[in-house]
Each structure stands twice: as C-alpha cells, then as structure tokens.
C-alpha cells in the first residue's frame, strides 16, 4: 500500500505484525517474499556452497591458485561465477526488494537465470579442463546470459520510486 509503517529497527513482535498485516501483492509474476529466503534463493545458496567446495577441491588438487592449467581457471570460475555469483543471486533477490520496497520477478525467470549459469559453469569447467576453447567460450556466453537475466530482474526493483514520506512522523 506504499505506506511507511516504521522508522528504525522494529522489535520481533512489530516485524511479525508488519508481515502479518501486509497486503498480498501479485502483479505479472512479481511478489513480495516473507522473512525467510524464497525457494530460488535457497537453491542458489545450496549451489553456492557446492561450488565453493568444488573450487576448494580444485585448488587443493590442482596445486593452489598458482597451480598449473587446467585446474587454475576451472577453480577460479567455480569460485567466481559459482560461489560468488550464486551468493549474489540469493542475497540480491532476498535483500534488495526489502531495501527498496519493490517486488522482484521470480518464477521461470529466476530458474532460467540459475539454469543458464549452471550450464555456463559446467561448460567453462569442461572446456578449460579439456583445453577446448570453444566450449569454454560457449560456457562463458551461457554464464553471461544468466547474469543478463538477473540484471533484467533487478532493474525494475532498482528503478522503483520510493513512496512519499510526508505522512510519516519520526519520534526521537
């Protein structure tokens, strides 16, 4: 309803009351999520943890960050696009809508974003491991495609105009 209800850090009871009394919103696939992570955010965190473990294993068994190819670029992409990318997906889709007060599109867009990046990471890893540059390039394109989908989900959230604060009284 675009009304600011509280300024500052609410108590747990206040936060639960705000959530319980918040109106349901649905507009073309956009929706507010609750206090916990949504299903796509939970899957993104799980994927991030898996990629962190794989990247660490790649570094351990590949001679560290200064190790020999092909393990160094594989581990770097598992960490960068895998761990960091999926962490940003989860926290970005969870936190930005709350900070801005605008919903983020979910559904098939969120799943296609994750699918593209998973495919990209797999192709990058296999391409670098086998020394097939075209396969690694294709993986990079898939990864960028997933990042573009994520950006297309975030732009409407970031472009959201904040509600007017004229009717809010802040008590010190």
C-alpha atoms as a PDB file:
ATOM      1  CA  UNK A   1       0.000   0.000   0.000  1.00  0.00           C
ATOM      2  CA  UNK A   2       3.121   2.220  -0.309  1.00  0.00           C
ATOM      3  CA  UNK A   3       2.870   3.441   3.289  1.00  0.00           C
ATOM      4  CA  UNK A   4       5.881   3.579   5.567  1.00  0.00           C
ATOM      5  CA  UNK A   5       4.871   1.983   8.867  1.00  0.00           C
ATOM      6  CA  UNK A   6       8.022   2.262  10.955  1.00  0.00           C
ATOM      7  CA  UNK A   7      11.386   4.009  11.064  1.00  0.00           C
ATOM      8  CA  UNK A   8      14.289   2.277  12.783  1.00  0.00           C
ATOM      9  CA  UNK A   9      14.760  -1.321  13.836  1.00  0.00           C
ATOM     10  CA  UNK A  10      11.448  -2.930  14.833  1.00  0.00           C
ATOM     11  CA  UNK A  11      11.115  -5.453  17.610  1.00  0.00           C
ATOM     12  CA  UNK A  12      10.413  -9.047  16.630  1.00  0.00           C
ATOM     13  CA  UNK A  13       6.750  -8.608  17.597  1.00  0.00           C
ATOM     14  CA  UNK A  14       6.474  -5.453  15.462  1.00  0.00           C
ATOM     15  CA  UNK A  15       8.171  -7.120  12.484  1.00  0.00           C
ATOM     16  CA  UNK A  16       5.845 -10.123  12.689  1.00  0.00           C
ATOM     17  CA  UNK A  17       2.835  -7.792  12.913  1.00  0.00           C
ATOM     18  CA  UNK A  18       4.004  -5.850   9.842  1.00  0.00           C
ATOM     19  CA  UNK A  19       4.381  -9.069   7.872  1.00  0.00           C
ATOM     20  CA  UNK A  20       1.024 -10.451   9.065  1.00  0.00           C
ATOM     21  CA  UNK A  21      -0.870  -7.279   8.149  1.00  0.00           C
ATOM     22  CA  UNK A  22       0.893  -6.653   4.835  1.00  0.00           C
ATOM     23  CA  UNK A  23      -1.413  -6.874   1.819  1.00  0.00           C
ATOM     24  CA  UNK A  24      -0.911  -9.672  -0.676  1.00  0.00           C
ATOM     25  CA  UNK A  25       0.537  -8.444  -3.939  1.00  0.00           C
ATOM     26  CA  UNK A  26       0.617 -10.108  -7.299  1.00  0.00           C
ATOM     27  CA  UNK A  27       1.401  -8.257 -10.480  1.00  0.00           C
ATOM     28  CA  UNK A  28       2.649 -10.105 -13.548  1.00  0.00           C
ATOM     29  CA  UNK A  29       4.762 -12.602 -11.624  1.00  0.00           C
ATOM     30  CA  UNK A  30       6.144 -10.110  -9.111  1.00  0.00           C
ATOM     31  CA  UNK A  31       5.583 -10.813  -5.452  1.00  0.00           C
ATOM     32  CA  UNK A  32       6.938  -9.948  -2.061  1.00  0.00           C
ATOM     33  CA  UNK A  33       8.665 -12.720  -0.210  1.00  0.00           C
ATOM     34  CA  UNK A  34       8.494 -13.379   3.505  1.00  0.00           C
ATOM     35  CA  UNK A  35      11.178 -13.001   6.107  1.00  0.00           C
ATOM     36  CA  UNK A  36      12.922 -16.213   5.026  1.00  0.00           C
ATOM     37  CA  UNK A  37      14.644 -16.906   1.713  1.00  0.00           C
ATOM     38  CA  UNK A  38      12.419 -17.899  -1.181  1.00  0.00           C
ATOM     39  CA  UNK A  39      12.843 -21.279  -2.852  1.00  0.00           C
ATOM     40  CA  UNK A  40      15.102 -19.931  -5.625  1.00  0.00           C
ATOM     41  CA  UNK A  41      17.235 -18.165  -3.022  1.00  0.00           C
ATOM     42  CA  UNK A  42      17.616 -21.365  -1.012  1.00  0.00           C
ATOM     43  CA  UNK A  43      18.651 -23.278  -4.137  1.00  0.00           C
ATOM     44  CA  UNK A  44      21.117 -20.521  -5.023  1.00  0.00           C
ATOM     45  CA  UNK A  45      22.711 -20.717  -1.558  1.00  0.00           C
ATOM     46  CA  UNK A  46      22.936 -24.520  -1.814  1.00  0.00           C
ATOM     47  CA  UNK A  47      24.564 -24.185  -5.245  1.00  0.00           C
ATOM     48  CA  UNK A  48      26.985 -21.553  -3.925  1.00  0.00           C
ATOM     49  CA  UNK A  49      28.122 -23.900  -1.151  1.00  0.00           C
ATOM     50  CA  UNK A  50      28.612 -26.756  -3.634  1.00  0.00           C
ATOM     51  CA  UNK A  51      30.656 -24.519  -5.944  1.00  0.00           C
ATOM     52  CA  UNK A  52      32.777 -23.337  -3.013  1.00  0.00           C
ATOM     53  CA  UNK A  53      33.590 -26.949  -2.105  1.00  0.00           C
ATOM     54  CA  UNK A  54      34.390 -27.807  -5.736  1.00  0.00           C
ATOM     55  CA  UNK A  55      36.560 -24.695  -6.151  1.00  0.00           C
ATOM     56  CA  UNK A  56      38.447 -25.524  -2.959  1.00  0.00           C
ATOM     57  CA  UNK A  57      38.977 -29.097  -4.135  1.00  0.00           C
ATOM     58  CA  UNK A  58      40.208 -27.789  -7.486  1.00  0.00           C
ATOM     59  CA  UNK A  59      42.748 -25.603  -5.726  1.00  0.00           C
ATOM     60  CA  UNK A  60      43.890 -28.342  -3.342  1.00  0.00           C
ATOM     61  CA  UNK A  61      44.316 -30.961  -6.046  1.00  0.00           C
ATOM     62  CA  UNK A  62      45.438 -28.516  -8.725  1.00  0.00           C
ATOM     63  CA  UNK A  63      48.392 -27.006  -6.890  1.00  0.00           C
ATOM     64  CA  UNK A  64      46.750 -23.896  -5.402  1.00  0.00           C
ATOM     65  CA  UNK A  65      45.961 -20.574  -7.046  1.00  0.00           C
ATOM     66  CA  UNK A  66      49.356 -20.620  -8.772  1.00  0.00           C
ATOM     67  CA  UNK A  67      48.812 -24.212  -9.920  1.00  0.00           C
ATOM     68  CA  UNK A  68      49.125 -25.421 -13.438  1.00  0.00           C
ATOM     69  CA  UNK A  69      46.417 -25.255 -16.058  1.00  0.00           C
ATOM     70  CA  UNK A  70      43.763 -26.600 -16.478  1.00  0.00           C
ATOM     71  CA  UNK A  71      42.821 -26.587 -12.796  1.00  0.00           C
ATOM     72  CA  UNK A  72      43.515 -22.945 -12.019  1.00  0.00           C
ATOM     73  CA  UNK A  73      40.922 -21.457 -14.431  1.00  0.00           C
ATOM     74  CA  UNK A  74      38.434 -24.199 -13.513  1.00  0.00           C
ATOM     75  CA  UNK A  75      38.771 -23.405  -9.793  1.00  0.00           C
ATOM     76  CA  UNK A  76      38.645 -19.657 -10.412  1.00  0.00           C
ATOM     77  CA  UNK A  77      35.398 -19.946 -12.395  1.00  0.00           C
ATOM     78  CA  UNK A  78      33.869 -22.360  -9.883  1.00  0.00           C
ATOM     79  CA  UNK A  79      34.613 -19.811  -7.180  1.00  0.00           C
ATOM     80  CA  UNK A  80      33.844 -16.596  -9.082  1.00  0.00           C
ATOM     81  CA  UNK A  81      30.796 -17.446 -11.166  1.00  0.00           C
ATOM     82  CA  UNK A  82      29.722 -20.363  -8.981  1.00  0.00           C
ATOM     83  CA  UNK A  83      30.178 -19.370  -5.351  1.00  0.00           C
ATOM     84  CA  UNK A  84      30.172 -15.573  -5.674  1.00  0.00           C
ATOM     85  CA  UNK A  85      27.574 -15.460  -8.462  1.00  0.00           C
ATOM     86  CA  UNK A  86      25.043 -17.684  -6.739  1.00  0.00           C
ATOM     87  CA  UNK A  87      25.582 -15.910  -3.412  1.00  0.00           C
ATOM     88  CA  UNK A  88      24.826 -12.595  -5.103  1.00  0.00           C
ATOM     89  CA  UNK A  89      21.728 -14.129  -6.723  1.00  0.00           C
ATOM     90  CA  UNK A  90      20.363 -15.321  -3.375  1.00  0.00           C
ATOM     91  CA  UNK A  91      21.088 -12.234  -1.330  1.00  0.00           C
ATOM     92  CA  UNK A  92      20.222  -9.820  -4.146  1.00  0.00           C
ATOM     93  CA  UNK A  93      16.797 -11.322  -4.709  1.00  0.00           C
ATOM     94  CA  UNK A  94      16.198 -11.513  -0.964  1.00  0.00           C
ATOM     95  CA  UNK A  95      17.519  -8.182   0.300  1.00  0.00           C
ATOM     96  CA  UNK A  96      17.142  -5.590  -2.471  1.00  0.00           C
ATOM     97  CA  UNK A  97      13.335  -5.815  -2.640  1.00  0.00           C
ATOM     98  CA  UNK A  98      13.212  -5.197   1.109  1.00  0.00           C
ATOM     99  CA  UNK A  99      15.549  -2.203   0.976  1.00  0.00           C
ATOM    100  CA  UNK A 100      13.736  -0.614  -1.959  1.00  0.00           C
ATOM    101  CA  UNK A 101      10.188  -1.706  -1.174  1.00  0.00           C
ATOM    102  CA  UNK A 102       9.530  -3.205  -4.608  1.00  0.00           C
ATOM    103  CA  UNK A 103       8.884  -6.829  -5.579  1.00  0.00           C
ATOM    104  CA  UNK A 104      11.225  -8.854  -7.772  1.00  0.00           C
ATOM    105  CA  UNK A 105      10.073 -11.092 -10.566  1.00  0.00           C
ATOM    106  CA  UNK A 106      10.503 -14.760  -9.783  1.00  0.00           C
ATOM    107  CA  UNK A 107       9.204 -17.957 -11.329  1.00  0.00           C
ATOM    108  CA  UNK A 108      10.635 -19.078 -14.637  1.00  0.00           C
ATOM    109  CA  UNK A 109      12.986 -16.061 -14.856  1.00  0.00           C
ATOM    110  CA  UNK A 110      14.717 -16.959 -11.598  1.00  0.00           C
ATOM    111  CA  UNK A 111      15.000 -20.620 -12.591  1.00  0.00           C
ATOM    112  CA  UNK A 112      16.242 -19.845 -16.127  1.00  0.00           C
ATOM    113  CA  UNK A 113      18.859 -17.493 -14.673  1.00  0.00           C
ATOM    114  CA  UNK A 114      20.160 -20.275 -12.458  1.00  0.00           C
ATOM    115  CA  UNK A 115      19.968 -22.860 -15.239  1.00  0.00           C
ATOM    116  CA  UNK A 116      21.962 -20.683 -17.632  1.00  0.00           C
ATOM    117  CA  UNK A 117      24.691 -20.077 -15.062  1.00  0.00           C
ATOM    118  CA  UNK A 118      24.888 -23.752 -14.047  1.00  0.00           C
ATOM    119  CA  UNK A 119      25.225 -24.721 -17.721  1.00  0.00           C
ATOM    120  CA  UNK A 120      27.804 -21.977 -18.211  1.00  0.00           C
ATOM    121  CA  UNK A 121      29.920 -23.135 -15.288  1.00  0.00           C
ATOM    122  CA  UNK A 122      29.794 -26.758 -16.442  1.00  0.00           C
ATOM    123  CA  UNK A 123      30.833 -25.817 -19.987  1.00  0.00           C
ATOM    124  CA  UNK A 124      33.571 -23.494 -18.715  1.00  0.00           C
ATOM    125  CA  UNK A 125      34.983 -26.174 -16.418  1.00  0.00           C
ATOM    126  CA  UNK A 126      34.913 -28.908 -19.049  1.00  0.00           C
ATOM    127  CA  UNK A 127      36.245 -26.571 -21.734  1.00  0.00           C
ATOM    128  CA  UNK A 128      39.204 -25.473 -19.613  1.00  0.00           C
ATOM    129  CA  UNK A 129      39.884 -28.990 -18.301  1.00  0.00           C
ATOM    130  CA  UNK A 130      39.965 -30.460 -21.812  1.00  0.00           C
ATOM    131  CA  UNK A 131      41.634 -27.441 -23.409  1.00  0.00           C
ATOM    132  CA  UNK A 132      38.670 -26.841 -25.758  1.00  0.00           C
ATOM    133  CA  UNK A 133      38.483 -23.052 -26.021  1.00  0.00           C
ATOM    134  CA  UNK A 134      35.224 -23.013 -27.989  1.00  0.00           C
ATOM    135  CA  UNK A 135      33.488 -24.999 -25.235  1.00  0.00           C
ATOM    136  CA  UNK A 136      34.796 -22.608 -22.571  1.00  0.00           C
ATOM    137  CA  UNK A 137      33.645 -19.656 -24.683  1.00  0.00           C
ATOM    138  CA  UNK A 138      30.174 -21.167 -25.017  1.00  0.00           C
ATOM    139  CA  UNK A 139      30.130 -21.631 -21.242  1.00  0.00           C
ATOM    140  CA  UNK A 140      31.066 -18.003 -20.773  1.00  0.00           C
ATOM    141  CA  UNK A 141      28.187 -16.947 -23.017  1.00  0.00           C
ATOM    142  CA  UNK A 142      25.728 -19.063 -21.029  1.00  0.00           C
ATOM    143  CA  UNK A 143      27.071 -17.561 -17.813  1.00  0.00           C
ATOM    144  CA  UNK A 144      26.693 -14.033 -19.159  1.00  0.00           C
ATOM    145  CA  UNK A 145      23.181 -14.911 -20.279  1.00  0.00           C
ATOM    146  CA  UNK A 146      22.269 -15.842 -16.715  1.00  0.00           C
ATOM    147  CA  UNK A 147      23.749 -12.584 -15.444  1.00  0.00           C
ATOM    148  CA  UNK A 148      21.715 -10.641 -18.017  1.00  0.00           C
ATOM    149  CA  UNK A 149      18.521 -12.362 -16.835  1.00  0.00           C
ATOM    150  CA  UNK A 150      19.428 -11.461 -13.236  1.00  0.00           C
ATOM    151  CA  UNK A 151      20.010  -7.841 -14.254  1.00  0.00           C
ATOM    152  CA  UNK A 152      16.640  -7.775 -16.035  1.00  0.00           C
ATOM    153  CA  UNK A 153      15.020  -8.941 -12.780  1.00  0.00           C
ATOM    154  CA  UNK A 154      16.836  -6.317 -10.709  1.00  0.00           C
ATOM    155  CA  UNK A 155      16.313  -3.265 -12.923  1.00  0.00           C
ATOM    156  CA  UNK A 156      12.590  -2.838 -12.104  1.00  0.00           C
ATOM    157  CA  UNK A 157      13.383  -3.196  -8.400  1.00  0.00           C
ATOM    158  CA  UNK A 158      16.121  -0.568  -8.524  1.00  0.00           C
ATOM    159  CA  UNK A 159      14.041   1.772 -10.701  1.00  0.00           C
ATOM    160  CA  UNK A 160      11.134   1.672  -8.241  1.00  0.00           C
ATOM    161  CA  UNK A 161      10.222   5.142  -6.966  1.00  0.00           C
ATOM    162  CA  UNK A 162      10.087   5.213  -3.163  1.00  0.00           C
ATOM    163  CA  UNK A 163       6.784   6.019  -1.523  1.00  0.00           C
ATOM    164  CA  UNK A 164       6.249   9.553  -0.286  1.00  0.00           C
ATOM    165  CA  UNK A 165       7.311  10.056   3.312  1.00  0.00           C
ATOM    166  CA  UNK A 166       5.224  13.180   4.001  1.00  0.00           C
ATOM    167  CA  UNK A 167       2.762  11.476   6.312  1.00  0.00           C
ATOM    168  CA  UNK A 168       5.419   9.788   8.462  1.00  0.00           C
ATOM    169  CA  UNK A 169       6.209  11.255  11.869  1.00  0.00           C
ATOM    170  CA  UNK A 170       9.566  10.261  13.293  1.00  0.00           C
ATOM    171  CA  UNK A 171       9.672  10.321  17.086  1.00  0.00           C
ATOM    172  CA  UNK A 172      13.173  10.658  18.566  1.00  0.00           C
END
